[in-house]
Amino acid sequence: MNSKYEIILYWSEEDGAFVAEVPELPGCMADGRTYQEALTNTEQIIQEWLETAKQLGRPIPEPKGRLSYA
């Protein structure tokens, strides 16, 4: 999968794992023991998020790429 959604990936000391969030897809996040594992898991969870949204008839946000903050 080659998702165009922004992924924010960071180490969580509290969880003892890398955590990846997809800000444009509410609630879409994954983790992993390594950076690569978290990224791989996130690619899978993005696909599942999109499939679920389609099944439920919910709107799917267009990827905006890098988000900017004010």
N, C-alpha and C. Protein backbone atom coordinates (compact mmCIF):
# COMPACT_ATOMS: atom_id res chain seq x y z
N MET A 1 0.84 -1.18 0.00
CA MET A 1 0.00 0.00 0.00
C MET A 1 0.88 1.24 0.00
N ASN A 2 0.43 2.25 -0.70
CA ASN A 2 1.19 3.50 -0.77
C ASN A 2 0.25 4.64 -0.40
N SER A 3 -0.04 4.76 0.89
CA SER A 3 -0.97 5.77 1.38
C SER A 3 -0.39 7.16 1.25
N LYS A 4 -1.24 8.12 0.95
CA LYS A 4 -0.80 9.50 0.87
C LYS A 4 -1.21 10.29 2.10
N TYR A 5 -1.76 9.61 3.10
CA TYR A 5 -2.13 10.28 4.34
C TYR A 5 -0.89 10.51 5.20
N GLU A 6 -0.88 11.64 5.87
CA GLU A 6 0.23 11.94 6.77
C GLU A 6 0.21 10.97 7.95
N ILE A 7 1.39 10.49 8.32
CA ILE A 7 1.56 9.61 9.47
C ILE A 7 2.54 10.27 10.43
N ILE A 8 2.13 10.42 11.67
CA ILE A 8 3.01 10.96 12.70
C ILE A 8 3.45 9.77 13.55
N LEU A 9 4.75 9.51 13.59
CA LEU A 9 5.29 8.35 14.27
C LEU A 9 6.26 8.80 15.36
N TYR A 10 6.07 8.29 16.57
CA TYR A 10 6.91 8.71 17.69
C TYR A 10 7.06 7.57 18.70
N TRP A 11 8.08 7.68 19.53
CA TRP A 11 8.31 6.70 20.60
C TRP A 11 7.47 7.11 21.81
N SER A 12 6.75 6.15 22.40
CA SER A 12 5.97 6.38 23.60
C SER A 12 6.62 5.62 24.75
N GLU A 13 7.22 6.35 25.65
CA GLU A 13 7.85 5.74 26.81
C GLU A 13 6.78 5.01 27.65
N GLU A 14 5.62 5.63 27.77
CA GLU A 14 4.53 5.06 28.55
C GLU A 14 4.09 3.70 28.01
N ASP A 15 4.02 3.58 26.68
CA ASP A 15 3.60 2.33 26.06
C ASP A 15 4.75 1.37 25.79
N GLY A 16 5.97 1.91 25.82
CA GLY A 16 7.13 1.08 25.49
C GLY A 16 7.12 0.63 24.05
N ALA A 17 6.60 1.50 23.17
CA ALA A 17 6.47 1.15 21.76
C ALA A 17 6.47 2.41 20.91
N PHE A 18 6.68 2.22 19.61
CA PHE A 18 6.50 3.31 18.66
C PHE A 18 5.00 3.41 18.38
N VAL A 19 4.49 4.63 18.33
CA VAL A 19 3.08 4.87 18.06
C VAL A 19 2.98 5.70 16.80
N ALA A 20 2.05 5.33 15.94
CA ALA A 20 1.82 6.05 14.69
C ALA A 20 0.37 6.51 14.64
N GLU A 21 0.17 7.80 14.35
CA GLU A 21 -1.17 8.37 14.25
C GLU A 21 -1.38 8.90 12.84
N VAL A 22 -2.62 8.83 12.38
CA VAL A 22 -2.99 9.36 11.07
C VAL A 22 -4.02 10.47 11.34
N PRO A 23 -3.56 11.73 11.45
CA PRO A 23 -4.44 12.82 11.88
C PRO A 23 -5.68 13.03 11.00
N GLU A 24 -5.59 12.74 9.72
CA GLU A 24 -6.72 12.98 8.82
C GLU A 24 -7.81 11.92 8.93
N LEU A 25 -7.51 10.81 9.59
CA LEU A 25 -8.48 9.73 9.76
C LEU A 25 -8.72 9.55 11.26
N PRO A 26 -9.76 10.16 11.80
CA PRO A 26 -10.00 10.15 13.25
C PRO A 26 -9.94 8.75 13.86
N GLY A 27 -9.14 8.63 14.92
CA GLY A 27 -9.01 7.37 15.63
C GLY A 27 -8.10 6.35 14.98
N CYS A 28 -7.50 6.71 13.85
CA CYS A 28 -6.64 5.78 13.12
C CYS A 28 -5.22 5.86 13.67
N MET A 29 -4.84 4.81 14.37
CA MET A 29 -3.48 4.75 14.93
C MET A 29 -3.08 3.30 15.15
N ALA A 30 -1.77 3.09 15.24
CA ALA A 30 -1.23 1.75 15.45
C ALA A 30 0.07 1.88 16.23
N ASP A 31 0.61 0.75 16.65
CA ASP A 31 1.90 0.78 17.34
C ASP A 31 2.75 -0.40 16.89
N GLY A 32 3.97 -0.45 17.39
CA GLY A 32 4.88 -1.53 17.07
C GLY A 32 6.13 -1.47 17.93
N ARG A 33 6.81 -2.60 18.05
CA ARG A 33 8.05 -2.63 18.85
C ARG A 33 9.17 -1.86 18.19
N THR A 34 9.12 -1.77 16.85
CA THR A 34 10.13 -1.02 16.11
C THR A 34 9.43 0.04 15.27
N TYR A 35 10.21 0.99 14.79
CA TYR A 35 9.69 2.05 13.91
C TYR A 35 9.04 1.43 12.69
N GLN A 36 9.75 0.49 12.06
CA GLN A 36 9.24 -0.14 10.84
C GLN A 36 7.98 -0.95 11.11
N GLU A 37 7.92 -1.65 12.23
CA GLU A 37 6.73 -2.43 12.57
C GLU A 37 5.53 -1.51 12.76
N ALA A 38 5.73 -0.39 13.45
CA ALA A 38 4.64 0.57 13.64
C ALA A 38 4.16 1.13 12.31
N LEU A 39 5.09 1.43 11.41
CA LEU A 39 4.73 1.95 10.09
C LEU A 39 3.96 0.90 9.28
N THR A 40 4.42 -0.33 9.30
CA THR A 40 3.74 -1.41 8.60
C THR A 40 2.34 -1.63 9.16
N ASN A 41 2.22 -1.63 10.48
CA ASN A 41 0.91 -1.79 11.12
C ASN A 41 -0.02 -0.64 10.75
N THR A 42 0.53 0.56 10.64
CA THR A 42 -0.28 1.72 10.29
C THR A 42 -0.81 1.61 8.87
N GLU A 43 0.01 1.14 7.95
CA GLU A 43 -0.46 0.96 6.58
C GLU A 43 -1.65 0.01 6.54
N GLN A 44 -1.60 -1.05 7.33
CA GLN A 44 -2.71 -2.01 7.40
C GLN A 44 -3.95 -1.36 8.02
N ILE A 45 -3.76 -0.61 9.09
CA ILE A 45 -4.91 -0.03 9.79
C ILE A 45 -5.55 1.08 8.96
N ILE A 46 -4.77 1.79 8.13
CA ILE A 46 -5.34 2.78 7.21
C ILE A 46 -6.28 2.07 6.24
N GLN A 47 -5.84 0.96 5.69
CA GLN A 47 -6.67 0.21 4.75
C GLN A 47 -7.95 -0.25 5.42
N GLU A 48 -7.85 -0.74 6.64
CA GLU A 48 -9.03 -1.20 7.38
C GLU A 48 -9.96 -0.03 7.69
N TRP A 49 -9.39 1.13 8.05
CA TRP A 49 -10.19 2.32 8.34
C TRP A 49 -11.00 2.71 7.11
N LEU A 50 -10.33 2.74 5.94
CA LEU A 50 -10.99 3.13 4.69
C LEU A 50 -12.09 2.14 4.31
N GLU A 51 -11.80 0.86 4.45
CA GLU A 51 -12.80 -0.17 4.12
C GLU A 51 -14.02 -0.06 5.02
N THR A 52 -13.80 0.17 6.31
CA THR A 52 -14.91 0.30 7.25
C THR A 52 -15.75 1.53 6.94
N ALA A 53 -15.09 2.65 6.64
CA ALA A 53 -15.81 3.88 6.29
C ALA A 53 -16.68 3.65 5.05
N LYS A 54 -16.14 2.96 4.06
CA LYS A 54 -16.92 2.66 2.84
C LYS A 54 -18.14 1.81 3.17
N GLN A 55 -17.94 0.77 3.97
CA GLN A 55 -19.04 -0.13 4.34
C GLN A 55 -20.15 0.60 5.09
N LEU A 56 -19.76 1.58 5.92
CA LEU A 56 -20.73 2.31 6.71
C LEU A 56 -21.29 3.53 5.99
N GLY A 57 -20.80 3.78 4.78
CA GLY A 57 -21.26 4.92 4.01
C GLY A 57 -20.78 6.26 4.54
N ARG A 58 -19.68 6.25 5.25
CA ARG A 58 -19.12 7.48 5.81
C ARG A 58 -18.18 8.14 4.81
N PRO A 59 -18.07 9.47 4.89
CA PRO A 59 -17.17 10.17 3.97
C PRO A 59 -15.71 9.81 4.25
N ILE A 60 -14.94 9.75 3.19
CA ILE A 60 -13.51 9.46 3.30
C ILE A 60 -12.75 10.72 2.94
N PRO A 61 -11.99 11.27 3.90
CA PRO A 61 -11.24 12.50 3.63
C PRO A 61 -10.19 12.29 2.54
N GLU A 62 -10.04 13.28 1.69
CA GLU A 62 -8.96 13.27 0.71
C GLU A 62 -7.64 13.52 1.43
N PRO A 63 -6.58 12.81 1.07
CA PRO A 63 -5.28 13.06 1.70
C PRO A 63 -4.82 14.49 1.37
N LYS A 64 -4.39 15.21 2.39
CA LYS A 64 -3.92 16.57 2.19
C LYS A 64 -2.41 16.66 2.22
N GLY A 65 -1.77 15.55 2.60
CA GLY A 65 -0.32 15.59 2.73
C GLY A 65 0.06 16.24 4.04
N ARG A 66 1.14 16.94 4.03
CA ARG A 66 1.66 17.54 5.26
C ARG A 66 0.69 18.57 5.81
N LEU A 67 0.34 18.40 7.08
CA LEU A 67 -0.56 19.34 7.74
C LEU A 67 0.25 20.53 8.26
N SER A 68 -0.36 21.68 8.26
CA SER A 68 0.32 22.87 8.81
C SER A 68 -0.43 23.32 10.05
N TYR A 69 0.29 23.85 10.97
CA TYR A 69 -0.27 24.31 12.21
C TYR A 69 -0.05 25.78 12.36
N ALA A 70 -1.03 26.48 12.91
CA ALA A 70 -0.92 27.94 13.09
C ALA A 70 -0.34 28.25 14.45
